[in-house]
Amino acid sequence: MITRIATALLSMAAMKGDALDNARKAFNNCMIEVHNVAVTEKSTPSAFIKTSDTACPTERAAYRELLVKSERSYGSSLADAEKFAAEEIQILVDSVVSNFNENAKDNKTLTPEK
């Protein structure tokens, strides 16, 4: 009986994390697609940086919303939660930009997450 309860609680905890992780993956995969198109079109690094700042607005907003909600659930203030969300999003964007700078010259693309 206790094992069933523990299993149910772990399953519920995993499901709670899935929405945030799915939003992160959706945003990351969208940014990967933007990266791959830019590599194929031979965009310059400076043009890609400008593109990456506004790319994937729907996925970015969904991820941001869930990040803020998650941080607020841990007791963070709205300002702190929004700051954390902005930082997490920027980390992901910076990673893709860094990959672009390395991949553009060799026409290498990124593989989306599964």
C-alpha atoms as a PDB file:
ATOM      1  CA  MET A   1       0.000   0.000   0.000  1.00  0.00           C
ATOM      2  CA  ILE A   2       2.770   2.444   0.921  1.00  0.00           C
ATOM      3  CA  THR A   3       4.587   1.566  -2.296  1.00  0.00           C
ATOM      4  CA  ARG A   4       1.499   2.464  -4.334  1.00  0.00           C
ATOM      5  CA  ILE A   5       1.199   5.809  -2.572  1.00  0.00           C
ATOM      6  CA  ALA A   6       4.894   6.547  -3.070  1.00  0.00           C
ATOM      7  CA  THR A   7       4.643   5.584  -6.743  1.00  0.00           C
ATOM      8  CA  ALA A   8       1.594   7.794  -7.204  1.00  0.00           C
ATOM      9  CA  LEU A   9       3.335  10.735  -5.534  1.00  0.00           C
ATOM     10  CA  LEU A  10       6.440  10.302  -7.668  1.00  0.00           C
ATOM     11  CA  SER A  11       4.312  10.100 -10.804  1.00  0.00           C
ATOM     12  CA  MET A  12       2.486  13.290  -9.876  1.00  0.00           C
ATOM     13  CA  ALA A  13       5.792  15.043  -9.195  1.00  0.00           C
ATOM     14  CA  ALA A  14       7.127  13.940 -12.579  1.00  0.00           C
ATOM     15  CA  MET A  15       3.988  15.171 -14.326  1.00  0.00           C
ATOM     16  CA  LYS A  16       4.323  18.551 -12.623  1.00  0.00           C
ATOM     17  CA  GLY A  17       7.850  18.909 -13.993  1.00  0.00           C
ATOM     18  CA  ASP A  18       6.868  17.755 -17.465  1.00  0.00           C
ATOM     19  CA  ALA A  19       5.036  20.963 -18.388  1.00  0.00           C
ATOM     20  CA  LEU A  20       8.085  23.094 -17.623  1.00  0.00           C
ATOM     21  CA  ASP A  21      10.471  20.690 -19.318  1.00  0.00           C
ATOM     22  CA  ASN A  22       8.186  20.415 -22.349  1.00  0.00           C
ATOM     23  CA  ALA A  23       8.046  24.215 -22.606  1.00  0.00           C
ATOM     24  CA  ARG A  24      11.840  24.378 -22.361  1.00  0.00           C
ATOM     25  CA  LYS A  25      12.221  21.745 -25.061  1.00  0.00           C
ATOM     26  CA  ALA A  26       9.716  23.522 -27.312  1.00  0.00           C
ATOM     27  CA  PHE A  27      11.590  26.811 -26.973  1.00  0.00           C
ATOM     28  CA  ASN A  28      14.979  25.134 -27.391  1.00  0.00           C
ATOM     29  CA  ASN A  29      13.838  23.204 -30.459  1.00  0.00           C
ATOM     30  CA  CYS A  30      12.381  26.340 -31.999  1.00  0.00           C
ATOM     31  CA  MET A  31      15.681  28.136 -31.418  1.00  0.00           C
ATOM     32  CA  ILE A  32      17.508  25.167 -32.954  1.00  0.00           C
ATOM     33  CA  GLU A  33      15.292  25.448 -36.024  1.00  0.00           C
ATOM     34  CA  VAL A  34      16.069  29.181 -36.265  1.00  0.00           C
ATOM     35  CA  HIS A  35      19.776  28.312 -35.933  1.00  0.00           C
ATOM     36  CA  ASN A  36      19.598  25.680 -38.651  1.00  0.00           C
ATOM     37  CA  VAL A  37      17.772  27.970 -41.078  1.00  0.00           C
ATOM     38  CA  ALA A  38      20.311  30.723 -40.427  1.00  0.00           C
ATOM     39  CA  VAL A  39      23.194  28.316 -41.062  1.00  0.00           C
ATOM     40  CA  THR A  40      21.583  27.149 -44.304  1.00  0.00           C
ATOM     41  CA  GLU A  41      20.944  30.737 -45.410  1.00  0.00           C
ATOM     42  CA  LYS A  42      24.507  31.690 -44.423  1.00  0.00           C
ATOM     43  CA  SER A  43      23.432  34.476 -42.073  1.00  0.00           C
ATOM     44  CA  THR A  44      26.134  36.519 -40.430  1.00  0.00           C
ATOM     45  CA  PRO A  45      26.700  36.158 -36.701  1.00  0.00           C
ATOM     46  CA  SER A  46      25.484  39.707 -36.063  1.00  0.00           C
ATOM     47  CA  ALA A  47      22.297  39.086 -38.069  1.00  0.00           C
ATOM     48  CA  PHE A  48      21.713  35.855 -36.166  1.00  0.00           C
ATOM     49  CA  ILE A  49      22.107  37.613 -32.818  1.00  0.00           C
ATOM     50  CA  LYS A  50      19.415  40.111 -33.842  1.00  0.00           C
ATOM     51  CA  THR A  51      17.173  37.279 -35.031  1.00  0.00           C
ATOM     52  CA  SER A  52      17.692  35.255 -31.867  1.00  0.00           C
ATOM     53  CA  ASP A  53      16.592  38.152 -29.656  1.00  0.00           C
ATOM     54  CA  THR A  54      13.043  37.988 -31.008  1.00  0.00           C
ATOM     55  CA  ALA A  55      12.825  34.421 -32.328  1.00  0.00           C
ATOM     56  CA  CYS A  56      10.177  31.970 -31.163  1.00  0.00           C
ATOM     57  CA  PRO A  57       7.890  34.445 -29.360  1.00  0.00           C
ATOM     58  CA  THR A  58       5.129  31.927 -28.597  1.00  0.00           C
ATOM     59  CA  GLU A  59       7.469  29.285 -27.203  1.00  0.00           C
ATOM     60  CA  ARG A  60       9.489  31.913 -25.356  1.00  0.00           C
ATOM     61  CA  ALA A  61       6.362  33.338 -23.690  1.00  0.00           C
ATOM     62  CA  ALA A  62       5.078  29.888 -22.697  1.00  0.00           C
ATOM     63  CA  TYR A  63       8.430  28.913 -21.183  1.00  0.00           C
ATOM     64  CA  ARG A  64       8.722  32.245 -19.394  1.00  0.00           C
ATOM     65  CA  GLU A  65       5.225  31.924 -17.951  1.00  0.00           C
ATOM     66  CA  LEU A  66       5.937  28.459 -16.556  1.00  0.00           C
ATOM     67  CA  LEU A  67       9.313  29.505 -15.181  1.00  0.00           C
ATOM     68  CA  VAL A  68       7.725  32.421 -13.336  1.00  0.00           C
ATOM     69  CA  LYS A  69       4.911  30.231 -12.052  1.00  0.00           C
ATOM     70  CA  SER A  70       7.379  27.608 -10.854  1.00  0.00           C
ATOM     71  CA  GLU A  71       9.575  30.133  -9.067  1.00  0.00           C
ATOM     72  CA  ARG A  72       6.542  31.770  -7.458  1.00  0.00           C
ATOM     73  CA  SER A  73       5.462  28.356  -6.156  1.00  0.00           C
ATOM     74  CA  TYR A  74       8.761  28.226  -4.232  1.00  0.00           C
ATOM     75  CA  GLY A  75       7.994  31.565  -2.600  1.00  0.00           C
ATOM     76  CA  SER A  76       9.933  33.905  -4.877  1.00  0.00           C
ATOM     77  CA  SER A  77       8.653  37.415  -5.364  1.00  0.00           C
ATOM     78  CA  LEU A  78       7.248  38.269  -8.767  1.00  0.00           C
ATOM     79  CA  ALA A  79      10.282  40.443  -9.528  1.00  0.00           C
ATOM     80  CA  ASP A  80      12.724  37.685  -8.564  1.00  0.00           C
ATOM     81  CA  ALA A  81      10.763  35.082 -10.526  1.00  0.00           C
ATOM     82  CA  GLU A  82      10.707  37.290 -13.616  1.00  0.00           C
ATOM     83  CA  LYS A  83      14.432  37.968 -13.283  1.00  0.00           C
ATOM     84  CA  PHE A  84      15.130  34.234 -12.959  1.00  0.00           C
ATOM     85  CA  ALA A  85      12.974  33.484 -16.021  1.00  0.00           C
ATOM     86  CA  ALA A  86      14.752  36.126 -18.086  1.00  0.00           C
ATOM     87  CA  GLU A  87      18.135  34.704 -17.062  1.00  0.00           C
ATOM     88  CA  GLU A  88      17.145  31.123 -17.907  1.00  0.00           C
ATOM     89  CA  ILE A  89      15.827  32.173 -21.305  1.00  0.00           C
ATOM     90  CA  GLN A  90      18.963  34.182 -22.002  1.00  0.00           C
ATOM     91  CA  ILE A  91      21.155  31.201 -21.112  1.00  0.00           C
ATOM     92  CA  LEU A  92      19.355  29.098 -23.703  1.00  0.00           C
ATOM     93  CA  VAL A  93      19.541  31.849 -26.336  1.00  0.00           C
ATOM     94  CA  ASP A  94      23.241  32.439 -25.607  1.00  0.00           C
ATOM     95  CA  SER A  95      23.925  28.738 -26.031  1.00  0.00           C
ATOM     96  CA  VAL A  96      22.308  28.674 -29.465  1.00  0.00           C
ATOM     97  CA  VAL A  97      24.116  31.876 -30.484  1.00  0.00           C
ATOM     98  CA  SER A  98      27.416  30.384 -29.371  1.00  0.00           C
ATOM     99  CA  ASN A  99      26.694  27.256 -31.388  1.00  0.00           C
ATOM    100  CA  PHE A 100      25.828  29.380 -34.400  1.00  0.00           C
ATOM    101  CA  ASN A 101      29.144  31.207 -34.205  1.00  0.00           C
ATOM    102  CA  GLU A 102      30.934  27.856 -34.259  1.00  0.00           C
ATOM    103  CA  ASN A 103      28.690  26.136 -36.814  1.00  0.00           C
ATOM    104  CA  ALA A 104      28.138  28.869 -39.396  1.00  0.00           C
ATOM    105  CA  LYS A 105      31.537  28.587 -41.008  1.00  0.00           C
ATOM    106  CA  ASP A 106      31.274  24.779 -41.343  1.00  0.00           C
ATOM    107  CA  ASN A 107      27.567  24.635 -42.285  1.00  0.00           C
ATOM    108  CA  LYS A 108      26.817  22.426 -39.285  1.00  0.00           C
ATOM    109  CA  THR A 109      23.285  22.164 -37.963  1.00  0.00           C
ATOM    110  CA  LEU A 110      21.969  21.212 -34.551  1.00  0.00           C
ATOM    111  CA  THR A 111      19.734  18.265 -33.763  1.00  0.00           C
ATOM    112  CA  PRO A 112      16.471  19.024 -31.922  1.00  0.00           C
ATOM    113  CA  GLU A 113      15.799  17.456 -28.539  1.00  0.00           C
ATOM    114  CA  LYS A 114      13.426  14.541 -28.357  1.00  0.00           C
END
